[in-house]
Amino acid sequence: MDTEEQAKGTADECDINFPVGYGLDNKQISELTGCFYEEKRQILHTTNYVVRPDGTIAVAAYSTGPIGRLVWQDVLGLVQFYKKMAAQG
């Protein structure tokens, strides 16, 4: 995981205005979340979540390599769909 300095740099570069984690134990995060941990390089493979307002996971995408990530356009479309369905009752 990123160091505090790297996380702050990313947050500044991307103008992020929400908390950003750093300095976590990759193996422990893998055990907690189910994301794939690669022992050889001691890295986590990308795991994406769309979280509902109540804190539950609406969608999870687990990658085992360089592909398999959510793209913002799909996430936006999904959020808009959920909002439409909620408005219809």
N, C-alpha and C. Protein backbone atom coordinates (compact mmCIF):
# COMPACT_ATOMS: atom_id res chain seq x y z
N MET A 1 0.84 -1.18 0.00
CA MET A 1 0.00 0.00 0.00
C MET A 1 0.88 1.24 0.00
N ASP A 2 0.30 2.33 -0.41
CA ASP A 2 1.05 3.58 -0.48
C ASP A 2 1.47 4.06 0.90
N THR A 3 2.55 4.82 0.91
CA THR A 3 2.96 5.51 2.12
C THR A 3 2.05 6.72 2.31
N GLU A 4 2.12 7.36 3.46
CA GLU A 4 1.33 8.56 3.71
C GLU A 4 1.66 9.64 2.68
N GLU A 5 2.93 9.80 2.38
CA GLU A 5 3.37 10.82 1.41
C GLU A 5 2.80 10.53 0.02
N GLN A 6 2.84 9.26 -0.41
CA GLN A 6 2.28 8.89 -1.72
C GLN A 6 0.78 9.12 -1.76
N ALA A 7 0.09 8.76 -0.69
CA ALA A 7 -1.37 8.94 -0.64
C ALA A 7 -1.73 10.41 -0.70
N LYS A 8 -1.01 11.24 0.05
CA LYS A 8 -1.27 12.68 0.00
C LYS A 8 -0.99 13.24 -1.38
N GLY A 9 0.07 12.76 -2.03
CA GLY A 9 0.39 13.22 -3.39
C GLY A 9 -0.72 12.87 -4.38
N THR A 10 -1.24 11.65 -4.28
CA THR A 10 -2.34 11.23 -5.15
C THR A 10 -3.58 12.06 -4.88
N ALA A 11 -3.89 12.26 -3.60
CA ALA A 11 -5.07 13.05 -3.23
C ALA A 11 -4.95 14.48 -3.76
N ASP A 12 -3.77 15.07 -3.64
CA ASP A 12 -3.56 16.43 -4.14
C ASP A 12 -3.66 16.47 -5.66
N GLU A 13 -3.01 15.52 -6.32
CA GLU A 13 -3.00 15.48 -7.78
C GLU A 13 -4.40 15.30 -8.36
N CYS A 14 -5.20 14.48 -7.71
CA CYS A 14 -6.54 14.17 -8.21
C CYS A 14 -7.63 15.02 -7.57
N ASP A 15 -7.24 15.96 -6.73
CA ASP A 15 -8.18 16.85 -6.04
C ASP A 15 -9.25 16.04 -5.29
N ILE A 16 -8.79 15.02 -4.57
CA ILE A 16 -9.68 14.15 -3.81
C ILE A 16 -10.06 14.83 -2.51
N ASN A 17 -11.35 14.84 -2.20
CA ASN A 17 -11.82 15.52 -0.99
C ASN A 17 -12.47 14.56 0.01
N PHE A 18 -12.01 13.30 0.00
CA PHE A 18 -12.49 12.31 0.96
C PHE A 18 -11.27 11.57 1.52
N PRO A 19 -11.44 10.88 2.64
CA PRO A 19 -10.29 10.20 3.26
C PRO A 19 -9.67 9.16 2.32
N VAL A 20 -8.34 9.09 2.33
CA VAL A 20 -7.60 8.13 1.53
C VAL A 20 -6.72 7.31 2.47
N GLY A 21 -6.82 6.00 2.39
CA GLY A 21 -6.03 5.12 3.24
C GLY A 21 -4.60 5.00 2.77
N TYR A 22 -3.72 4.62 3.69
CA TYR A 22 -2.31 4.39 3.35
C TYR A 22 -1.68 3.52 4.44
N GLY A 23 -0.55 2.92 4.09
CA GLY A 23 0.24 2.19 5.06
C GLY A 23 -0.40 0.92 5.61
N LEU A 24 -1.33 0.35 4.89
CA LEU A 24 -2.01 -0.85 5.38
C LEU A 24 -1.21 -2.11 5.04
N ASP A 25 -1.49 -3.18 5.72
CA ASP A 25 -0.85 -4.47 5.48
C ASP A 25 -1.59 -5.20 4.37
N ASN A 26 -0.92 -5.41 3.24
CA ASN A 26 -1.57 -6.01 2.07
C ASN A 26 -2.19 -7.37 2.36
N LYS A 27 -1.47 -8.20 3.06
CA LYS A 27 -1.97 -9.55 3.34
C LYS A 27 -3.23 -9.48 4.22
N GLN A 28 -3.20 -8.61 5.22
CA GLN A 28 -4.35 -8.47 6.12
C GLN A 28 -5.56 -7.92 5.36
N ILE A 29 -5.35 -6.95 4.48
CA ILE A 29 -6.44 -6.39 3.68
C ILE A 29 -7.04 -7.48 2.79
N SER A 30 -6.19 -8.32 2.22
CA SER A 30 -6.67 -9.42 1.39
C SER A 30 -7.56 -10.35 2.19
N GLU A 31 -7.14 -10.67 3.39
CA GLU A 31 -7.94 -11.56 4.24
C GLU A 31 -9.27 -10.93 4.63
N LEU A 32 -9.29 -9.62 4.85
CA LEU A 32 -10.52 -8.93 5.26
C LEU A 32 -11.50 -8.73 4.11
N THR A 33 -10.98 -8.48 2.91
CA THR A 33 -11.84 -8.08 1.80
C THR A 33 -12.04 -9.15 0.73
N GLY A 34 -11.16 -10.14 0.70
CA GLY A 34 -11.25 -11.16 -0.34
C GLY A 34 -10.53 -10.80 -1.62
N CYS A 35 -9.87 -9.65 -1.65
CA CYS A 35 -9.12 -9.30 -2.87
C CYS A 35 -7.90 -10.21 -2.99
N PHE A 36 -7.38 -10.32 -4.20
CA PHE A 36 -6.30 -11.26 -4.47
C PHE A 36 -4.95 -10.67 -4.08
N TYR A 37 -4.20 -11.43 -3.29
CA TYR A 37 -2.87 -11.06 -2.84
C TYR A 37 -1.87 -11.92 -3.60
N GLU A 38 -0.90 -11.25 -4.24
CA GLU A 38 0.13 -11.97 -4.97
C GLU A 38 1.37 -12.06 -4.09
N GLU A 39 1.67 -13.25 -3.65
CA GLU A 39 2.78 -13.49 -2.72
C GLU A 39 4.12 -13.07 -3.32
N LYS A 40 4.34 -13.41 -4.59
CA LYS A 40 5.64 -13.15 -5.23
C LYS A 40 6.03 -11.67 -5.15
N ARG A 41 5.10 -10.78 -5.50
CA ARG A 41 5.40 -9.34 -5.47
C ARG A 41 4.85 -8.65 -4.23
N GLN A 42 4.13 -9.40 -3.41
CA GLN A 42 3.51 -8.90 -2.18
C GLN A 42 2.63 -7.68 -2.47
N ILE A 43 1.76 -7.87 -3.47
CA ILE A 43 0.85 -6.79 -3.87
C ILE A 43 -0.59 -7.27 -3.84
N LEU A 44 -1.50 -6.33 -3.78
CA LEU A 44 -2.93 -6.60 -3.95
C LEU A 44 -3.29 -6.31 -5.38
N HIS A 45 -4.10 -7.18 -5.96
CA HIS A 45 -4.63 -6.87 -7.28
C HIS A 45 -5.87 -6.01 -7.11
N THR A 46 -6.15 -5.24 -8.12
CA THR A 46 -7.23 -4.27 -8.06
C THR A 46 -8.56 -4.90 -7.66
N THR A 47 -9.21 -4.26 -6.73
CA THR A 47 -10.55 -4.64 -6.31
C THR A 47 -11.37 -3.36 -6.25
N ASN A 48 -12.51 -3.37 -6.92
CA ASN A 48 -13.37 -2.19 -6.99
C ASN A 48 -14.69 -2.48 -6.33
N TYR A 49 -15.22 -1.49 -5.61
CA TYR A 49 -16.52 -1.62 -4.97
C TYR A 49 -17.37 -0.40 -5.30
N VAL A 50 -18.66 -0.64 -5.50
CA VAL A 50 -19.64 0.43 -5.52
C VAL A 50 -20.44 0.23 -4.24
N VAL A 51 -20.40 1.24 -3.38
CA VAL A 51 -21.01 1.13 -2.05
C VAL A 51 -22.30 1.96 -2.01
N ARG A 52 -23.35 1.34 -1.54
CA ARG A 52 -24.64 2.03 -1.40
C ARG A 52 -24.56 3.03 -0.24
N PRO A 53 -25.49 3.99 -0.21
CA PRO A 53 -25.51 4.97 0.89
C PRO A 53 -25.60 4.33 2.27
N ASP A 54 -26.19 3.13 2.37
CA ASP A 54 -26.30 2.48 3.68
C ASP A 54 -25.04 1.70 4.06
N GLY A 55 -24.01 1.77 3.20
CA GLY A 55 -22.74 1.14 3.50
C GLY A 55 -22.58 -0.28 3.00
N THR A 56 -23.62 -0.85 2.37
CA THR A 56 -23.52 -2.19 1.82
C THR A 56 -22.92 -2.14 0.42
N ILE A 57 -22.35 -3.24 0.00
CA ILE A 57 -21.71 -3.30 -1.32
C ILE A 57 -22.75 -3.65 -2.37
N ALA A 58 -22.88 -2.79 -3.38
CA ALA A 58 -23.80 -3.02 -4.49
C ALA A 58 -23.13 -3.89 -5.55
N VAL A 59 -21.87 -3.60 -5.84
CA VAL A 59 -21.12 -4.32 -6.87
C VAL A 59 -19.67 -4.43 -6.41
N ALA A 60 -19.06 -5.59 -6.66
CA ALA A 60 -17.64 -5.78 -6.40
C ALA A 60 -17.01 -6.40 -7.64
N ALA A 61 -15.85 -5.91 -8.03
CA ALA A 61 -15.11 -6.47 -9.15
C ALA A 61 -13.71 -6.82 -8.66
N TYR A 62 -13.39 -8.11 -8.68
CA TYR A 62 -12.10 -8.60 -8.21
C TYR A 62 -11.24 -8.96 -9.41
N SER A 63 -10.07 -8.37 -9.50
CA SER A 63 -9.15 -8.64 -10.60
C SER A 63 -8.02 -9.54 -10.14
N THR A 64 -7.57 -10.41 -11.02
CA THR A 64 -6.42 -11.26 -10.73
C THR A 64 -5.24 -10.91 -11.62
N GLY A 65 -5.34 -9.77 -12.31
CA GLY A 65 -4.28 -9.34 -13.21
C GLY A 65 -4.52 -7.92 -13.67
N PRO A 66 -3.92 -7.54 -14.79
CA PRO A 66 -3.98 -6.15 -15.23
C PRO A 66 -5.29 -5.70 -15.85
N ILE A 67 -6.28 -6.58 -16.00
CA ILE A 67 -7.59 -6.16 -16.50
C ILE A 67 -8.65 -6.52 -15.48
N GLY A 68 -9.86 -6.04 -15.69
CA GLY A 68 -10.96 -6.38 -14.80
C GLY A 68 -11.28 -5.29 -13.80
N ARG A 69 -11.17 -4.06 -14.23
CA ARG A 69 -11.45 -2.93 -13.36
C ARG A 69 -12.75 -2.24 -13.78
N LEU A 70 -13.44 -1.67 -12.79
CA LEU A 70 -14.61 -0.85 -13.12
C LEU A 70 -14.13 0.45 -13.75
N VAL A 71 -14.86 0.93 -14.73
CA VAL A 71 -14.57 2.23 -15.33
C VAL A 71 -15.65 3.21 -14.88
N TRP A 72 -15.28 4.47 -14.77
CA TRP A 72 -16.19 5.45 -14.17
C TRP A 72 -17.50 5.56 -14.93
N GLN A 73 -17.46 5.38 -16.26
CA GLN A 73 -18.68 5.50 -17.04
C GLN A 73 -19.70 4.43 -16.63
N ASP A 74 -19.22 3.22 -16.39
CA ASP A 74 -20.11 2.14 -15.97
C ASP A 74 -20.65 2.40 -14.56
N VAL A 75 -19.79 2.89 -13.68
CA VAL A 75 -20.23 3.19 -12.32
C VAL A 75 -21.28 4.29 -12.33
N LEU A 76 -21.04 5.34 -13.10
CA LEU A 76 -22.02 6.43 -13.20
C LEU A 76 -23.36 5.92 -13.72
N GLY A 77 -23.32 5.10 -14.77
CA GLY A 77 -24.55 4.53 -15.31
C GLY A 77 -25.28 3.67 -14.28
N LEU A 78 -24.54 2.91 -13.50
CA LEU A 78 -25.14 2.07 -12.48
C LEU A 78 -25.79 2.91 -11.39
N VAL A 79 -25.09 3.95 -10.94
CA VAL A 79 -25.65 4.83 -9.91
C VAL A 79 -26.91 5.51 -10.42
N GLN A 80 -26.89 5.98 -11.65
CA GLN A 80 -28.07 6.62 -12.22
C GLN A 80 -29.23 5.62 -12.31
N PHE A 81 -28.94 4.37 -12.67
CA PHE A 81 -29.97 3.33 -12.73
C PHE A 81 -30.57 3.08 -11.35
N TYR A 82 -29.71 2.94 -10.34
CA TYR A 82 -30.20 2.73 -8.97
C TYR A 82 -31.07 3.89 -8.50
N LYS A 83 -30.67 5.10 -8.82
CA LYS A 83 -31.47 6.27 -8.43
C LYS A 83 -32.83 6.26 -9.12
N LYS A 84 -32.83 5.91 -10.39
CA LYS A 84 -34.09 5.84 -11.15
C LYS A 84 -35.01 4.78 -10.55
N MET A 85 -34.46 3.61 -10.24
CA MET A 85 -35.26 2.53 -9.68
C MET A 85 -35.81 2.93 -8.30
N ALA A 86 -35.01 3.62 -7.50
CA ALA A 86 -35.45 4.06 -6.18
C ALA A 86 -36.58 5.08 -6.28
N ALA A 87 -36.49 5.97 -7.28
CA ALA A 87 -37.51 6.99 -7.48
C ALA A 87 -38.85 6.38 -7.92
N GLN A 88 -38.77 5.24 -8.62
CA GLN A 88 -39.98 4.58 -9.09
C GLN A 88 -40.66 3.77 -7.97
N GLY A 89 -39.92 3.61 -6.87
CA GLY A 89 -40.49 2.95 -5.69
C GLY A 89 -40.41 1.50 -5.75
